[in-house]
Every structure is written in structure tokens, then in C-alpha cells.
Amino acid sequence: MRSRDQGGASFRIATGAFGHDVFYQPPLYPCFRVVAYALFGRDLVLVRIVQALLGGAACALVTLDSGRLLGCPSGIAAGLQA
């Protein structure tokens, strides 16, 4: 039985809903999905929550690092733009 995300992706590809541009996927994203599925099962909501938390952590690290290098106002501006 196909999972919900496999069926949805094949439908979008078949109908051209992705457009005609070149498909791009970050290089380690499939590895992330494998680990997330191994830890949480094939629950897409939990995978998206983990993605959101990792994205927020990346913004926090950009804020902290640029704040140390360039000063507090620049760090806050970089964190808001990330």
C-alpha cells in the first residue's frame, strides 16, 4: 500500500503541479527524512515539526554567531533575516 506522501507526490508529478523548472532538493534532505521516519514513523506532522525546530535553531545560531562577530544590533538583524 502506498503511503499518503508517495501518492500525493506522484499525482503532482503526473499533473505537472510542480511546474517545468528543474527540481532541486538539498543534498542531505533524503538522509534527514530517513532518520526522521526511523525515529517517528511515517508521521508527516512530526517530521514537519522537527524541520521547523531545526530551522528555528539555525536562525538562533545565525543570530548568536553574527552577534559575536559584528555586535548585537547586527546579530539581531541577521537573525531576523535568516
N, C-alpha and C. Protein backbone atom coordinates (compact mmCIF):
# COMPACT_ATOMS: atom_id res chain seq x y z
N MET A 1 0.84 -1.18 0.00
CA MET A 1 0.00 0.00 0.00
C MET A 1 0.88 1.24 0.00
N ARG A 2 0.58 2.18 -0.86
CA ARG A 2 1.37 3.39 -0.94
C ARG A 2 1.00 4.34 0.18
N SER A 3 1.98 5.04 0.65
CA SER A 3 1.69 6.00 1.72
C SER A 3 1.10 7.27 1.12
N ARG A 4 0.60 8.11 1.98
CA ARG A 4 -0.07 9.33 1.56
C ARG A 4 0.90 10.27 0.84
N ASP A 5 2.13 10.39 1.35
CA ASP A 5 3.05 11.33 0.72
C ASP A 5 3.57 10.80 -0.62
N GLN A 6 3.71 9.50 -0.79
CA GLN A 6 4.14 8.95 -2.08
C GLN A 6 3.04 9.15 -3.13
N GLY A 7 1.81 8.90 -2.76
CA GLY A 7 0.70 9.07 -3.69
C GLY A 7 0.52 10.52 -4.10
N GLY A 8 0.64 11.42 -3.13
CA GLY A 8 0.50 12.85 -3.43
C GLY A 8 1.60 13.35 -4.34
N ALA A 9 2.83 12.90 -4.10
CA ALA A 9 3.94 13.34 -4.94
C ALA A 9 3.79 12.82 -6.36
N SER A 10 3.39 11.57 -6.52
CA SER A 10 3.24 11.04 -7.88
C SER A 10 2.09 11.74 -8.60
N PHE A 11 1.04 12.11 -7.90
CA PHE A 11 -0.07 12.84 -8.52
C PHE A 11 0.40 14.22 -9.00
N ARG A 12 1.16 14.91 -8.15
CA ARG A 12 1.64 16.24 -8.54
C ARG A 12 2.60 16.16 -9.72
N ILE A 13 3.42 15.13 -9.76
CA ILE A 13 4.34 14.98 -10.89
C ILE A 13 3.56 14.69 -12.16
N ALA A 14 2.56 13.79 -12.06
CA ALA A 14 1.79 13.40 -13.24
C ALA A 14 0.97 14.56 -13.79
N THR A 15 0.46 15.43 -12.92
CA THR A 15 -0.38 16.54 -13.39
C THR A 15 0.41 17.79 -13.71
N GLY A 16 1.71 17.78 -13.44
CA GLY A 16 2.53 18.95 -13.73
C GLY A 16 2.38 20.05 -12.70
N ALA A 17 1.90 19.73 -11.51
CA ALA A 17 1.69 20.75 -10.48
C ALA A 17 3.00 21.31 -9.97
N PHE A 18 4.12 20.63 -10.19
CA PHE A 18 5.42 21.12 -9.75
C PHE A 18 5.97 22.17 -10.71
N GLY A 19 5.40 22.29 -11.88
CA GLY A 19 5.92 23.22 -12.86
C GLY A 19 6.91 22.52 -13.78
N HIS A 20 7.60 23.32 -14.55
CA HIS A 20 8.51 22.76 -15.55
C HIS A 20 9.96 23.12 -15.25
N ASP A 21 10.23 23.69 -14.09
CA ASP A 21 11.59 24.06 -13.73
C ASP A 21 12.36 22.84 -13.25
N VAL A 22 13.64 23.02 -13.06
CA VAL A 22 14.50 21.95 -12.59
C VAL A 22 14.18 21.67 -11.13
N PHE A 23 14.07 20.40 -10.78
CA PHE A 23 13.78 20.01 -9.40
C PHE A 23 15.04 20.15 -8.57
N TYR A 24 14.94 20.79 -7.42
CA TYR A 24 16.08 20.93 -6.52
C TYR A 24 15.69 20.43 -5.14
N GLN A 25 16.59 19.66 -4.56
CA GLN A 25 16.39 19.18 -3.20
C GLN A 25 17.74 19.26 -2.49
N PRO A 26 17.79 19.81 -1.28
CA PRO A 26 19.06 19.88 -0.57
C PRO A 26 19.69 18.50 -0.46
N PRO A 27 21.02 18.40 -0.52
CA PRO A 27 21.68 17.11 -0.62
C PRO A 27 21.44 16.16 0.55
N LEU A 28 21.31 16.66 1.75
CA LEU A 28 21.15 15.76 2.90
C LEU A 28 19.69 15.59 3.31
N TYR A 29 18.76 16.18 2.57
CA TYR A 29 17.36 16.09 2.95
C TYR A 29 16.83 14.65 2.93
N PRO A 30 17.16 13.83 1.93
CA PRO A 30 16.70 12.43 1.99
C PRO A 30 17.23 11.69 3.21
N CYS A 31 18.46 11.99 3.61
CA CYS A 31 19.01 11.36 4.83
C CYS A 31 18.23 11.81 6.05
N PHE A 32 17.88 13.09 6.11
CA PHE A 32 17.07 13.59 7.21
C PHE A 32 15.73 12.88 7.27
N ARG A 33 15.09 12.70 6.12
CA ARG A 33 13.79 12.02 6.09
C ARG A 33 13.90 10.58 6.56
N VAL A 34 14.97 9.89 6.17
CA VAL A 34 15.16 8.50 6.60
C VAL A 34 15.30 8.43 8.12
N VAL A 35 16.10 9.32 8.69
CA VAL A 35 16.29 9.32 10.14
C VAL A 35 14.99 9.70 10.85
N ALA A 36 14.29 10.70 10.34
CA ALA A 36 13.03 11.12 10.96
C ALA A 36 11.99 10.01 10.88
N TYR A 37 11.89 9.33 9.75
CA TYR A 37 10.95 8.23 9.64
C TYR A 37 11.33 7.08 10.56
N ALA A 38 12.64 6.85 10.72
CA ALA A 38 13.08 5.77 11.62
C ALA A 38 12.74 6.09 13.07
N LEU A 39 12.84 7.37 13.44
CA LEU A 39 12.56 7.75 14.83
C LEU A 39 11.07 7.89 15.12
N PHE A 40 10.32 8.48 14.20
CA PHE A 40 8.93 8.84 14.47
C PHE A 40 7.91 8.06 13.66
N GLY A 41 8.35 7.18 12.78
CA GLY A 41 7.42 6.51 11.89
C GLY A 41 7.09 7.44 10.73
N ARG A 42 6.15 7.06 9.91
CA ARG A 42 5.82 7.85 8.73
C ARG A 42 4.76 8.90 9.03
N ASP A 43 4.92 9.59 10.13
CA ASP A 43 4.00 10.65 10.52
C ASP A 43 4.56 11.98 10.02
N LEU A 44 3.94 12.55 8.99
CA LEU A 44 4.46 13.76 8.37
C LEU A 44 4.37 14.97 9.29
N VAL A 45 3.40 14.99 10.19
CA VAL A 45 3.27 16.13 11.10
C VAL A 45 4.50 16.22 12.01
N LEU A 46 4.92 15.09 12.56
CA LEU A 46 6.10 15.11 13.42
C LEU A 46 7.36 15.47 12.64
N VAL A 47 7.47 14.98 11.41
CA VAL A 47 8.63 15.32 10.58
C VAL A 47 8.66 16.82 10.32
N ARG A 48 7.51 17.42 10.05
CA ARG A 48 7.46 18.86 9.81
C ARG A 48 7.75 19.65 11.08
N ILE A 49 7.34 19.15 12.23
CA ILE A 49 7.65 19.82 13.49
C ILE A 49 9.16 19.81 13.72
N VAL A 50 9.80 18.66 13.47
CA VAL A 50 11.26 18.57 13.63
C VAL A 50 11.94 19.53 12.66
N GLN A 51 11.46 19.61 11.42
CA GLN A 51 12.02 20.56 10.45
C GLN A 51 11.90 21.99 10.94
N ALA A 52 10.75 22.33 11.49
CA ALA A 52 10.55 23.69 11.99
C ALA A 52 11.49 24.00 13.16
N LEU A 53 11.67 23.03 14.04
CA LEU A 53 12.58 23.23 15.17
C LEU A 53 14.02 23.39 14.70
N LEU A 54 14.43 22.59 13.71
CA LEU A 54 15.79 22.73 13.18
C LEU A 54 15.98 24.07 12.47
N GLY A 55 14.96 24.53 11.77
CA GLY A 55 15.03 25.84 11.13
C GLY A 55 15.14 26.97 12.14
N GLY A 56 14.38 26.86 13.22
CA GLY A 56 14.48 27.86 14.29
C GLY A 56 15.84 27.85 14.96
N ALA A 57 16.40 26.65 15.15
CA ALA A 57 17.73 26.54 15.74
C ALA A 57 18.78 27.16 14.82
N ALA A 58 18.63 26.99 13.52
CA ALA A 58 19.56 27.60 12.56
C ALA A 58 19.50 29.12 12.65
N CYS A 59 18.30 29.68 12.76
CA CYS A 59 18.17 31.14 12.90
C CYS A 59 18.81 31.63 14.19
N ALA A 60 18.63 30.87 15.26
CA ALA A 60 19.24 31.25 16.54
C ALA A 60 20.76 31.22 16.45
N LEU A 61 21.31 30.21 15.78
CA LEU A 61 22.77 30.14 15.63
C LEU A 61 23.30 31.27 14.77
N VAL A 62 22.58 31.64 13.72
CA VAL A 62 23.00 32.79 12.90
C VAL A 62 23.01 34.05 13.74
N THR A 63 21.99 34.22 14.57
CA THR A 63 21.91 35.40 15.44
C THR A 63 23.08 35.45 16.41
N LEU A 64 23.36 34.33 17.06
CA LEU A 64 24.44 34.30 18.04
C LEU A 64 25.81 34.50 17.40
N ASP A 65 26.07 33.82 16.30
CA ASP A 65 27.38 33.92 15.66
C ASP A 65 27.62 35.31 15.09
N SER A 66 26.64 35.86 14.39
CA SER A 66 26.85 37.19 13.83
C SER A 66 26.87 38.25 14.93
N GLY A 67 26.17 38.01 16.03
CA GLY A 67 26.24 38.94 17.16
C GLY A 67 27.62 38.97 17.79
N ARG A 68 28.25 37.80 17.86
CA ARG A 68 29.62 37.74 18.40
C ARG A 68 30.62 38.39 17.46
N LEU A 69 30.42 38.20 16.15
CA LEU A 69 31.39 38.74 15.19
C LEU A 69 31.21 40.23 14.93
N LEU A 70 29.95 40.67 14.82
CA LEU A 70 29.70 42.04 14.36
C LEU A 70 29.02 42.93 15.37
N GLY A 71 28.63 42.40 16.51
CA GLY A 71 27.95 43.20 17.51
C GLY A 71 26.47 42.85 17.59
N CYS A 72 25.87 43.26 18.68
CA CYS A 72 24.49 42.89 18.98
C CYS A 72 23.47 43.36 17.94
N PRO A 73 23.47 44.63 17.51
CA PRO A 73 22.46 45.04 16.52
C PRO A 73 22.57 44.28 15.20
N SER A 74 23.80 44.03 14.77
CA SER A 74 23.98 43.28 13.53
C SER A 74 23.53 41.83 13.70
N GLY A 75 23.77 41.27 14.86
CA GLY A 75 23.33 39.91 15.12
C GLY A 75 21.82 39.77 15.09
N ILE A 76 21.15 40.73 15.68
CA ILE A 76 19.67 40.71 15.68
C ILE A 76 19.15 40.86 14.25
N ALA A 77 19.74 41.77 13.48
CA ALA A 77 19.30 41.97 12.09
C ALA A 77 19.55 40.71 11.26
N ALA A 78 20.69 40.07 11.44
CA ALA A 78 20.98 38.83 10.69
C ALA A 78 20.03 37.71 11.08
N GLY A 79 19.71 37.61 12.37
CA GLY A 79 18.79 36.58 12.83
C GLY A 79 17.39 36.79 12.29
N LEU A 80 16.95 38.02 12.19
CA LEU A 80 15.62 38.30 11.63
C LEU A 80 15.56 38.02 10.14
N GLN A 81 16.67 38.22 9.46
CA GLN A 81 16.70 37.96 8.02
C GLN A 81 16.85 36.47 7.70
N ALA A 82 17.43 35.72 8.63
CA ALA A 82 17.61 34.28 8.39
C ALA A 82 16.27 33.64 8.51
